[in-house]
Amino acid sequence: MISLVFYALAMVVTGRYLTFQAIKNIAFKGVFFIFFGWIMAGFTSNIIGLILMYGVFVGIDVGMLYGMAYP
């Protein structure tokens, strides 16, 4: 559920910054941070770390990347 909240917020924020020139920059940042979130979620040993790494980082990044598909 945390992931869905940050997913929705990221789509709203990213939608304001989408221009044709910014798409490549947002895509690069989104892919980098989703990779970072998955790696860090794999290294965590408690549920709070998993919620933060997967829920927050991956939720924001999926919202960034999904928002680019429908500008």
N, C-alpha and C. Protein backbone atom coordinates (compact mmCIF):
# COMPACT_ATOMS: atom_id res chain seq x y z
N MET A 1 0.81 -1.20 0.00
CA MET A 1 0.00 0.00 0.00
C MET A 1 0.86 1.27 0.00
N ILE A 2 1.99 1.23 0.68
CA ILE A 2 2.89 2.38 0.68
C ILE A 2 3.36 2.68 -0.73
N SER A 3 3.65 1.63 -1.47
CA SER A 3 4.11 1.78 -2.84
C SER A 3 3.07 2.49 -3.71
N LEU A 4 1.81 2.16 -3.53
CA LEU A 4 0.76 2.80 -4.33
C LEU A 4 0.59 4.27 -4.00
N VAL A 5 0.77 4.64 -2.75
CA VAL A 5 0.66 6.05 -2.36
C VAL A 5 1.76 6.86 -3.04
N PHE A 6 2.99 6.37 -2.95
CA PHE A 6 4.11 7.11 -3.55
C PHE A 6 4.06 7.04 -5.08
N TYR A 7 3.51 5.98 -5.62
CA TYR A 7 3.30 5.86 -7.07
C TYR A 7 2.39 6.98 -7.56
N ALA A 8 1.28 7.17 -6.87
CA ALA A 8 0.32 8.20 -7.29
C ALA A 8 0.91 9.60 -7.12
N LEU A 9 1.60 9.84 -6.03
CA LEU A 9 2.21 11.16 -5.82
C LEU A 9 3.29 11.46 -6.86
N ALA A 10 4.07 10.46 -7.21
CA ALA A 10 5.14 10.65 -8.19
C ALA A 10 4.57 10.94 -9.58
N MET A 11 3.45 10.34 -9.92
CA MET A 11 2.85 10.63 -11.23
C MET A 11 2.41 12.08 -11.32
N VAL A 12 1.85 12.61 -10.25
CA VAL A 12 1.40 14.01 -10.25
C VAL A 12 2.59 14.96 -10.36
N VAL A 13 3.61 14.71 -9.56
CA VAL A 13 4.78 15.60 -9.56
C VAL A 13 5.55 15.51 -10.87
N THR A 14 5.78 14.30 -11.36
CA THR A 14 6.53 14.12 -12.60
C THR A 14 5.78 14.67 -13.80
N GLY A 15 4.47 14.59 -13.78
CA GLY A 15 3.67 15.11 -14.90
C GLY A 15 3.87 16.59 -15.13
N ARG A 16 4.18 17.32 -14.09
CA ARG A 16 4.40 18.76 -14.24
C ARG A 16 5.73 19.07 -14.91
N TYR A 17 6.68 18.16 -14.85
CA TYR A 17 8.02 18.40 -15.39
C TYR A 17 8.25 17.74 -16.74
N LEU A 18 7.24 17.08 -17.27
CA LEU A 18 7.44 16.38 -18.54
C LEU A 18 7.44 17.35 -19.72
N THR A 19 8.54 17.38 -20.39
CA THR A 19 8.65 18.02 -21.69
C THR A 19 9.42 17.03 -22.57
N PHE A 20 9.48 17.32 -23.83
CA PHE A 20 10.16 16.38 -24.72
C PHE A 20 11.64 16.25 -24.37
N GLN A 21 12.26 17.33 -23.95
CA GLN A 21 13.67 17.29 -23.60
C GLN A 21 13.91 16.60 -22.25
N ALA A 22 12.96 16.66 -21.34
CA ALA A 22 13.15 16.11 -20.00
C ALA A 22 12.87 14.62 -19.91
N ILE A 23 12.30 14.03 -20.93
CA ILE A 23 11.92 12.62 -20.87
C ILE A 23 13.14 11.73 -20.68
N LYS A 24 14.21 11.99 -21.39
CA LYS A 24 15.41 11.17 -21.25
C LYS A 24 16.00 11.28 -19.85
N ASN A 25 16.02 12.48 -19.30
CA ASN A 25 16.56 12.70 -17.97
C ASN A 25 15.70 11.99 -16.91
N ILE A 26 14.39 12.10 -17.01
CA ILE A 26 13.50 11.44 -16.05
C ILE A 26 13.59 9.93 -16.19
N ALA A 27 13.71 9.44 -17.40
CA ALA A 27 13.84 7.99 -17.61
C ALA A 27 15.12 7.45 -16.99
N PHE A 28 16.20 8.17 -17.18
CA PHE A 28 17.47 7.72 -16.60
C PHE A 28 17.41 7.69 -15.08
N LYS A 29 16.89 8.75 -14.48
CA LYS A 29 16.78 8.80 -13.02
C LYS A 29 15.82 7.73 -12.51
N GLY A 30 14.73 7.51 -13.20
CA GLY A 30 13.76 6.50 -12.77
C GLY A 30 14.33 5.10 -12.80
N VAL A 31 15.03 4.76 -13.86
CA VAL A 31 15.63 3.42 -13.96
C VAL A 31 16.73 3.25 -12.92
N PHE A 32 17.53 4.27 -12.71
CA PHE A 32 18.60 4.17 -11.72
C PHE A 32 18.04 3.97 -10.32
N PHE A 33 17.06 4.76 -9.94
CA PHE A 33 16.53 4.67 -8.59
C PHE A 33 15.67 3.43 -8.36
N ILE A 34 15.02 2.92 -9.39
CA ILE A 34 14.27 1.67 -9.20
C ILE A 34 15.25 0.51 -9.00
N PHE A 35 16.36 0.55 -9.71
CA PHE A 35 17.40 -0.46 -9.51
C PHE A 35 17.97 -0.34 -8.09
N PHE A 36 18.22 0.89 -7.64
CA PHE A 36 18.72 1.12 -6.29
C PHE A 36 17.73 0.61 -5.24
N GLY A 37 16.46 0.87 -5.43
CA GLY A 37 15.44 0.41 -4.48
C GLY A 37 15.37 -1.10 -4.40
N TRP A 38 15.45 -1.78 -5.53
CA TRP A 38 15.41 -3.24 -5.53
C TRP A 38 16.64 -3.83 -4.86
N ILE A 39 17.81 -3.28 -5.16
CA ILE A 39 19.04 -3.78 -4.54
C ILE A 39 19.01 -3.56 -3.03
N MET A 40 18.65 -2.37 -2.61
CA MET A 40 18.61 -2.09 -1.17
C MET A 40 17.53 -2.90 -0.46
N ALA A 41 16.41 -3.17 -1.12
CA ALA A 41 15.38 -4.02 -0.51
C ALA A 41 15.89 -5.44 -0.34
N GLY A 42 16.76 -5.88 -1.22
CA GLY A 42 17.34 -7.22 -1.10
C GLY A 42 18.32 -7.33 0.06
N PHE A 43 18.94 -6.22 0.44
CA PHE A 43 19.92 -6.25 1.52
C PHE A 43 19.32 -5.97 2.90
N THR A 44 18.08 -5.56 2.96
CA THR A 44 17.49 -5.21 4.26
C THR A 44 17.15 -6.47 5.06
N SER A 45 17.16 -6.32 6.37
CA SER A 45 16.90 -7.47 7.22
C SER A 45 15.66 -7.29 8.10
N ASN A 46 14.95 -6.18 7.95
CA ASN A 46 13.73 -6.00 8.75
C ASN A 46 12.62 -5.43 7.87
N ILE A 47 11.42 -5.44 8.39
CA ILE A 47 10.26 -5.04 7.61
C ILE A 47 10.22 -3.53 7.37
N ILE A 48 10.71 -2.75 8.31
CA ILE A 48 10.73 -1.29 8.13
C ILE A 48 11.65 -0.92 6.97
N GLY A 49 12.80 -1.55 6.87
CA GLY A 49 13.70 -1.30 5.76
C GLY A 49 13.09 -1.71 4.43
N LEU A 50 12.37 -2.81 4.44
CA LEU A 50 11.71 -3.26 3.21
C LEU A 50 10.62 -2.28 2.78
N ILE A 51 9.86 -1.79 3.74
CA ILE A 51 8.82 -0.81 3.42
C ILE A 51 9.44 0.46 2.86
N LEU A 52 10.52 0.92 3.47
CA LEU A 52 11.16 2.14 2.98
C LEU A 52 11.79 1.94 1.61
N MET A 53 12.54 0.88 1.45
CA MET A 53 13.26 0.69 0.19
C MET A 53 12.32 0.33 -0.96
N TYR A 54 11.45 -0.62 -0.72
CA TYR A 54 10.57 -1.03 -1.81
C TYR A 54 9.38 -0.08 -1.94
N GLY A 55 8.73 0.19 -0.85
CA GLY A 55 7.53 1.01 -0.91
C GLY A 55 7.78 2.42 -1.37
N VAL A 56 8.79 3.06 -0.83
CA VAL A 56 9.04 4.46 -1.17
C VAL A 56 9.81 4.58 -2.48
N PHE A 57 10.99 3.98 -2.56
CA PHE A 57 11.82 4.15 -3.76
C PHE A 57 11.18 3.56 -5.00
N VAL A 58 10.73 2.33 -4.92
CA VAL A 58 10.16 1.69 -6.11
C VAL A 58 8.82 2.32 -6.45
N GLY A 59 8.04 2.71 -5.45
CA GLY A 59 6.77 3.39 -5.73
C GLY A 59 6.96 4.69 -6.47
N ILE A 60 7.91 5.50 -6.03
CA ILE A 60 8.19 6.77 -6.69
C ILE A 60 8.70 6.53 -8.11
N ASP A 61 9.57 5.58 -8.28
CA ASP A 61 10.18 5.36 -9.59
C ASP A 61 9.22 4.76 -10.60
N VAL A 62 8.36 3.89 -10.16
CA VAL A 62 7.35 3.36 -11.07
C VAL A 62 6.39 4.47 -11.49
N GLY A 63 6.06 5.36 -10.56
CA GLY A 63 5.22 6.51 -10.90
C GLY A 63 5.90 7.43 -11.90
N MET A 64 7.21 7.63 -11.75
CA MET A 64 7.95 8.47 -12.69
C MET A 64 7.93 7.85 -14.08
N LEU A 65 8.23 6.56 -14.15
CA LEU A 65 8.35 5.91 -15.45
C LEU A 65 6.99 5.66 -16.10
N TYR A 66 6.00 5.34 -15.32
CA TYR A 66 4.66 5.12 -15.89
C TYR A 66 4.04 6.42 -16.36
N GLY A 67 4.33 7.51 -15.66
CA GLY A 67 3.81 8.80 -16.07
C GLY A 67 4.36 9.26 -17.41
N MET A 68 5.52 8.79 -17.79
CA MET A 68 6.10 9.17 -19.08
C MET A 68 5.37 8.52 -20.25
N ALA A 69 4.73 7.41 -20.00
CA ALA A 69 4.04 6.72 -21.10
C ALA A 69 2.79 7.47 -21.55
N TYR A 70 2.23 8.28 -20.68
CA TYR A 70 1.02 9.04 -21.01
C TYR A 70 1.18 10.50 -20.70
N PRO A 71 2.02 11.21 -21.45
CA PRO A 71 2.20 12.65 -21.17
C PRO A 71 1.04 13.49 -21.63
